[in-house]
């Protein structure tokens, strides 16, 4: 038996953040009813790379039931009201206040259904100077300053995945689970509000505190702003290899076992991480010289023997063929689709994942 079997979830959702949260509930056994507008979740049209279907939609809507409802109609509102009356959880990411204007204000729902857990996801929250502003992933990346610390020295950059949406969905999922635990103790539901801005601001605590402490982070590409050496170095054959030194002990090991200059391990210019960051150019130059003497295979062998953390700098072709990649395969209206497996593995409780729902044009 899956842990959330018997749990009923209604998800008035579109795009990424809310569907991420509800997909994880579905994975755990919850019965998730996805409410789509008559033309469907607009994420269905983001691309057509997964057997003619959107990669986003396939990834985030497995295992759900889907119905389309015109929530501006009396029939649509009545159908949604019936679903909510039987639900344990309501997830929604309409514009702030929109659900209330449709007649489903979370506070009134709490009075009518005291065990109901509602989770409302928005760009900037329910109040404040920017509450009414539209918000999408890249807009929040820019607004929070994430782009300012992403990319190379010449210009800010977008993080290469929808990191704001995913982070918000994961935050919503964990908050809903907390509320379910609380309900099991108190018998009462909860009203949860999560903003994309708040989630990313929380995740940006370290660079923010560095800025407020007088060390504003700079964009330095594939390197760590506050740890050195932690970045990409090129082997003799031109292969890029990323290494990470996490402690002064590891630095001394790198100096003795890889660079071949153990005296650098205690040299005051490099002996501590703060000193190495201060002297980053000289630190990285010394490491780069050692890499330039070895081809990739020898460098990786030497680093591995020394216990130094490393990675190859892959692309999506590398991930697709990666020997460590686990996959799941799900049914869809256009055939089976394979993609990376959810990370959590439950011992002795293998999971299967439900199909991708077709667009159901009937109000029911």
Foldseek 3Di string as FASTA:
>chain_A
DFPLAPAEEEEAEADFQQLQLVQVSLLRHYAYEYEAALVGRCQQVPDLPFLGTHPRLQVRFWRYHYAYAHLVDPLRVVLVVVSLVSHQEYEYEDQQPPCVVSPCPPVVSCVVPFNHAYEYEYAPWNDDDCSRPHDAQVRLCVVLCVQQQDDAQPGGDDDPDSVLSNLSNVVRNVVQVVQVVVCVVVVGGYYHYYHSNVSVNVVCVVQVVCVVVPRRFGHHYQQDRQFPPFGWAAAQVGFIKTWGDDFLVLVLLCCVQQLNHNVQSCPPCRVGRNSCSVVVVVRVVSVNVSRSVHHPVVNVVSCVVSVIDMDGDDDVVCVVPPPPFDWAWEAEPSGIGIDGDDDDDDPPDDTHIHHRYDHHSDSD
